[in-house]
Amino acid sequence: MFLGVMIGRQNEESDRMVRSKMIKYETTWHCSDCPFVGEGKTKSDAIDNLYKHVENTHVDVSFNCLICFKTCKTRRSLLVHRSRNHKHDGSRTFSF
């Protein structure tokens, strides 16, 4: 989880909605709405790829920057926004 980025009720609800469509079956992660299987070199990559798939394909979510209140369509776009626009704001840093 990206600490400090998912904080906030709407961000947490959006994250929960995406994760609700991610199912672990034995050692792989699957989309609950279609045959997509998360793949990657690592378990983390596979989960991240499935998260992006669900986020872009099956749910209508948004993530808000808690510093400037910009609304971003995806978790990744929020991370990029925070990195580009708020990386020197020490009061609300984020990490992996």
N, C-alpha and C. Protein backbone atom coordinates (compact mmCIF):
# COMPACT_ATOMS: atom_id res chain seq x y z
N MET A 1 0.86 -1.18 0.00
CA MET A 1 0.00 0.00 0.00
C MET A 1 0.89 1.23 0.00
N PHE A 2 0.42 2.28 -0.61
CA PHE A 2 1.15 3.53 -0.66
C PHE A 2 0.72 4.38 0.52
N LEU A 3 1.54 4.40 1.56
CA LEU A 3 1.18 5.09 2.79
C LEU A 3 1.07 6.59 2.55
N GLY A 4 0.05 7.20 3.13
CA GLY A 4 -0.14 8.63 3.01
C GLY A 4 -0.90 9.04 1.77
N VAL A 5 -0.98 8.20 0.77
CA VAL A 5 -1.68 8.56 -0.46
C VAL A 5 -3.12 8.08 -0.40
N MET A 6 -3.36 6.92 0.19
CA MET A 6 -4.70 6.37 0.24
C MET A 6 -5.49 6.88 1.43
N ILE A 7 -4.93 7.75 2.23
CA ILE A 7 -5.64 8.29 3.38
C ILE A 7 -6.79 9.16 2.89
N GLY A 8 -7.89 9.11 3.58
CA GLY A 8 -9.08 9.88 3.23
C GLY A 8 -10.20 8.93 2.86
N ARG A 9 -11.39 9.27 3.25
CA ARG A 9 -12.52 8.36 3.06
C ARG A 9 -12.77 7.98 1.61
N GLN A 10 -12.75 8.95 0.70
CA GLN A 10 -13.00 8.62 -0.71
C GLN A 10 -11.88 7.75 -1.27
N ASN A 11 -10.63 8.06 -0.95
CA ASN A 11 -9.51 7.26 -1.44
C ASN A 11 -9.58 5.84 -0.90
N GLU A 12 -9.92 5.70 0.37
CA GLU A 12 -10.02 4.38 0.97
C GLU A 12 -11.18 3.59 0.34
N GLU A 13 -12.30 4.25 0.08
CA GLU A 13 -13.45 3.59 -0.54
C GLU A 13 -13.13 3.17 -1.97
N SER A 14 -12.45 4.04 -2.72
CA SER A 14 -12.05 3.70 -4.10
C SER A 14 -11.12 2.49 -4.09
N ASP A 15 -10.16 2.50 -3.18
CA ASP A 15 -9.22 1.38 -3.06
C ASP A 15 -9.96 0.10 -2.70
N ARG A 16 -10.89 0.19 -1.78
CA ARG A 16 -11.67 -0.98 -1.35
C ARG A 16 -12.51 -1.53 -2.52
N MET A 17 -13.08 -0.63 -3.33
CA MET A 17 -13.89 -1.06 -4.47
C MET A 17 -13.04 -1.83 -5.48
N VAL A 18 -11.83 -1.33 -5.77
CA VAL A 18 -10.94 -2.03 -6.70
C VAL A 18 -10.55 -3.39 -6.13
N ARG A 19 -10.12 -3.41 -4.88
CA ARG A 19 -9.65 -4.66 -4.26
C ARG A 19 -10.77 -5.70 -4.12
N SER A 20 -12.02 -5.24 -4.06
CA SER A 20 -13.13 -6.19 -3.92
C SER A 20 -13.29 -7.06 -5.17
N LYS A 21 -12.71 -6.66 -6.28
CA LYS A 21 -12.80 -7.41 -7.54
C LYS A 21 -11.53 -8.21 -7.83
N MET A 22 -10.65 -8.28 -6.84
CA MET A 22 -9.40 -9.03 -6.97
C MET A 22 -9.50 -10.28 -6.10
N ILE A 23 -9.36 -11.44 -6.72
CA ILE A 23 -9.52 -12.71 -6.00
C ILE A 23 -8.23 -13.52 -6.09
N LYS A 24 -7.78 -14.00 -4.95
CA LYS A 24 -6.61 -14.87 -4.94
C LYS A 24 -7.09 -16.31 -5.04
N TYR A 25 -6.59 -17.01 -6.04
CA TYR A 25 -6.91 -18.43 -6.22
C TYR A 25 -5.61 -19.19 -6.24
N GLU A 26 -5.38 -19.98 -5.21
CA GLU A 26 -4.12 -20.69 -5.01
C GLU A 26 -2.97 -19.69 -5.01
N THR A 27 -2.13 -19.67 -6.04
CA THR A 27 -0.98 -18.76 -6.01
C THR A 27 -1.10 -17.59 -6.98
N THR A 28 -2.26 -17.45 -7.64
CA THR A 28 -2.42 -16.38 -8.61
C THR A 28 -3.59 -15.47 -8.24
N TRP A 29 -3.56 -14.26 -8.78
CA TRP A 29 -4.62 -13.28 -8.54
C TRP A 29 -5.45 -13.12 -9.81
N HIS A 30 -6.79 -13.14 -9.66
CA HIS A 30 -7.72 -13.10 -10.77
C HIS A 30 -8.71 -11.96 -10.61
N CYS A 31 -9.22 -11.48 -11.74
CA CYS A 31 -10.29 -10.50 -11.76
C CYS A 31 -11.61 -11.23 -11.55
N SER A 32 -12.47 -10.70 -10.70
CA SER A 32 -13.77 -11.36 -10.46
C SER A 32 -14.78 -11.10 -11.58
N ASP A 33 -14.50 -10.13 -12.45
CA ASP A 33 -15.46 -9.76 -13.49
C ASP A 33 -15.14 -10.31 -14.88
N CYS A 34 -13.93 -10.80 -15.07
CA CYS A 34 -13.53 -11.32 -16.39
C CYS A 34 -12.38 -12.31 -16.21
N PRO A 35 -11.89 -12.93 -17.27
CA PRO A 35 -10.84 -13.94 -17.15
C PRO A 35 -9.42 -13.40 -16.91
N PHE A 36 -9.26 -12.09 -16.74
CA PHE A 36 -7.92 -11.50 -16.57
C PHE A 36 -7.22 -12.09 -15.34
N VAL A 37 -5.94 -12.41 -15.51
CA VAL A 37 -5.10 -12.91 -14.42
C VAL A 37 -3.92 -11.96 -14.28
N GLY A 38 -3.68 -11.52 -13.06
CA GLY A 38 -2.54 -10.64 -12.81
C GLY A 38 -1.25 -11.41 -13.00
N GLU A 39 -0.34 -10.87 -13.81
CA GLU A 39 0.94 -11.52 -14.06
C GLU A 39 2.06 -10.52 -13.86
N GLY A 40 3.23 -11.03 -13.55
CA GLY A 40 4.41 -10.19 -13.37
C GLY A 40 5.57 -11.02 -12.89
N LYS A 41 6.73 -10.41 -12.84
CA LYS A 41 7.93 -11.13 -12.40
C LYS A 41 7.86 -11.47 -10.92
N THR A 42 7.16 -10.62 -10.16
CA THR A 42 7.02 -10.86 -8.73
C THR A 42 5.54 -10.89 -8.36
N LYS A 43 5.25 -11.36 -7.17
CA LYS A 43 3.88 -11.36 -6.67
C LYS A 43 3.35 -9.93 -6.62
N SER A 44 4.17 -9.01 -6.20
CA SER A 44 3.79 -7.60 -6.12
C SER A 44 3.43 -7.03 -7.50
N ASP A 45 4.22 -7.38 -8.51
CA ASP A 45 3.94 -6.93 -9.88
C ASP A 45 2.61 -7.49 -10.38
N ALA A 46 2.35 -8.75 -10.07
CA ALA A 46 1.10 -9.39 -10.50
C ALA A 46 -0.11 -8.71 -9.86
N ILE A 47 -0.01 -8.42 -8.58
CA ILE A 47 -1.11 -7.75 -7.88
C ILE A 47 -1.29 -6.34 -8.43
N ASP A 48 -0.20 -5.63 -8.66
CA ASP A 48 -0.27 -4.27 -9.19
C ASP A 48 -0.89 -4.26 -10.59
N ASN A 49 -0.53 -5.22 -11.43
CA ASN A 49 -1.10 -5.31 -12.77
C ASN A 49 -2.60 -5.59 -12.73
N LEU A 50 -3.01 -6.46 -11.82
CA LEU A 50 -4.44 -6.74 -11.67
C LEU A 50 -5.17 -5.51 -11.14
N TYR A 51 -4.58 -4.83 -10.18
CA TYR A 51 -5.18 -3.61 -9.63
C TYR A 51 -5.42 -2.60 -10.75
N LYS A 52 -4.39 -2.37 -11.58
CA LYS A 52 -4.53 -1.43 -12.70
C LYS A 52 -5.62 -1.87 -13.66
N HIS A 53 -5.68 -3.17 -13.94
CA HIS A 53 -6.72 -3.70 -14.85
C HIS A 53 -8.11 -3.40 -14.30
N VAL A 54 -8.36 -3.75 -13.05
CA VAL A 54 -9.68 -3.54 -12.45
C VAL A 54 -10.01 -2.05 -12.43
N GLU A 55 -9.05 -1.26 -12.01
CA GLU A 55 -9.24 0.19 -11.89
C GLU A 55 -9.61 0.82 -13.24
N ASN A 56 -8.96 0.37 -14.31
CA ASN A 56 -9.18 0.95 -15.63
C ASN A 56 -10.34 0.33 -16.41
N THR A 57 -10.78 -0.85 -16.01
CA THR A 57 -11.76 -1.59 -16.81
C THR A 57 -13.12 -1.75 -16.15
N HIS A 58 -13.15 -1.99 -14.85
CA HIS A 58 -14.40 -2.44 -14.23
C HIS A 58 -15.02 -1.50 -13.20
N VAL A 59 -14.32 -0.51 -12.75
CA VAL A 59 -14.87 0.38 -11.72
C VAL A 59 -14.69 1.84 -12.11
N ASP A 60 -15.56 2.67 -11.60
CA ASP A 60 -15.46 4.11 -11.81
C ASP A 60 -15.06 4.72 -10.47
N VAL A 61 -13.78 4.94 -10.30
CA VAL A 61 -13.26 5.47 -9.04
C VAL A 61 -12.44 6.72 -9.30
N SER A 62 -12.14 7.42 -8.23
CA SER A 62 -11.22 8.55 -8.30
C SER A 62 -10.47 8.64 -6.98
N PHE A 63 -9.32 9.28 -7.02
CA PHE A 63 -8.47 9.44 -5.86
C PHE A 63 -8.15 10.92 -5.71
N ASN A 64 -8.24 11.45 -4.49
CA ASN A 64 -8.04 12.87 -4.26
C ASN A 64 -6.72 13.15 -3.56
N CYS A 65 -6.04 14.19 -4.03
CA CYS A 65 -4.84 14.67 -3.36
C CYS A 65 -5.30 15.42 -2.11
N LEU A 66 -4.79 15.03 -0.96
CA LEU A 66 -5.19 15.67 0.28
C LEU A 66 -4.44 16.97 0.54
N ILE A 67 -3.53 17.33 -0.34
CA ILE A 67 -2.80 18.58 -0.20
C ILE A 67 -3.49 19.70 -0.99
N CYS A 68 -3.78 19.45 -2.27
CA CYS A 68 -4.38 20.49 -3.12
C CYS A 68 -5.79 20.15 -3.58
N PHE A 69 -6.27 18.95 -3.24
CA PHE A 69 -7.63 18.50 -3.55
C PHE A 69 -7.87 18.19 -5.02
N LYS A 70 -6.82 18.03 -5.80
CA LYS A 70 -6.96 17.59 -7.19
C LYS A 70 -7.54 16.18 -7.21
N THR A 71 -8.44 15.93 -8.15
CA THR A 71 -9.02 14.60 -8.32
C THR A 71 -8.30 13.89 -9.46
N CYS A 72 -7.85 12.67 -9.20
CA CYS A 72 -7.13 11.86 -10.18
C CYS A 72 -7.94 10.60 -10.46
N LYS A 73 -7.91 10.16 -11.71
CA LYS A 73 -8.71 9.00 -12.12
C LYS A 73 -8.16 7.67 -11.59
N THR A 74 -6.85 7.58 -11.41
CA THR A 74 -6.25 6.32 -10.95
C THR A 74 -5.29 6.57 -9.79
N ARG A 75 -5.01 5.49 -9.07
CA ARG A 75 -4.03 5.55 -7.99
C ARG A 75 -2.68 5.98 -8.52
N ARG A 76 -2.28 5.44 -9.67
CA ARG A 76 -0.99 5.78 -10.29
C ARG A 76 -0.94 7.27 -10.64
N SER A 77 -2.02 7.82 -11.21
CA SER A 77 -2.00 9.25 -11.56
C SER A 77 -1.92 10.12 -10.31
N LEU A 78 -2.49 9.67 -9.20
CA LEU A 78 -2.34 10.41 -7.94
C LEU A 78 -0.89 10.37 -7.47
N LEU A 79 -0.26 9.21 -7.57
CA LEU A 79 1.15 9.09 -7.17
C LEU A 79 2.04 9.99 -8.02
N VAL A 80 1.79 10.02 -9.32
CA VAL A 80 2.58 10.88 -10.22
C VAL A 80 2.34 12.34 -9.88
N HIS A 81 1.09 12.71 -9.66
CA HIS A 81 0.76 14.09 -9.27
C HIS A 81 1.50 14.48 -8.00
N ARG A 82 1.42 13.62 -6.99
CA ARG A 82 2.08 13.92 -5.70
C ARG A 82 3.59 14.07 -5.89
N SER A 83 4.17 13.19 -6.69
CA SER A 83 5.62 13.23 -6.92
C SER A 83 6.03 14.51 -7.64
N ARG A 84 5.27 14.92 -8.63
CA ARG A 84 5.60 16.10 -9.42
C ARG A 84 5.30 17.41 -8.71
N ASN A 85 4.23 17.43 -7.93
CA ASN A 85 3.76 18.69 -7.39
C ASN A 85 3.99 18.91 -5.90
N HIS A 86 4.21 17.84 -5.17
CA HIS A 86 4.29 17.98 -3.71
C HIS A 86 5.49 17.26 -3.08
N LYS A 87 6.50 16.95 -3.86
CA LYS A 87 7.59 16.15 -3.30
C LYS A 87 8.39 16.89 -2.24
N HIS A 88 8.31 18.20 -2.20
CA HIS A 88 9.04 18.96 -1.19
C HIS A 88 8.17 19.34 0.00
N ASP A 89 6.96 18.86 0.01
CA ASP A 89 6.05 19.11 1.13
C ASP A 89 6.32 18.05 2.19
N GLY A 90 7.16 18.36 3.14
CA GLY A 90 7.57 17.39 4.16
C GLY A 90 6.49 17.01 5.13
N SER A 91 5.41 17.79 5.21
CA SER A 91 4.37 17.49 6.18
C SER A 91 3.48 16.32 5.76
N ARG A 92 3.47 16.01 4.48
CA ARG A 92 2.60 14.92 4.02
C ARG A 92 3.36 14.06 3.00
N THR A 93 4.40 13.45 3.43
CA THR A 93 5.17 12.61 2.53
C THR A 93 4.52 11.25 2.40
N PHE A 94 4.90 10.53 1.39
CA PHE A 94 4.40 9.18 1.19
C PHE A 94 5.56 8.27 0.87
N SER A 95 5.36 7.00 1.11
CA SER A 95 6.41 6.02 0.83
C SER A 95 5.77 4.73 0.40
N PHE A 96 6.61 3.78 0.01
CA PHE A 96 6.12 2.48 -0.40
C PHE A 96 6.20 1.54 0.76
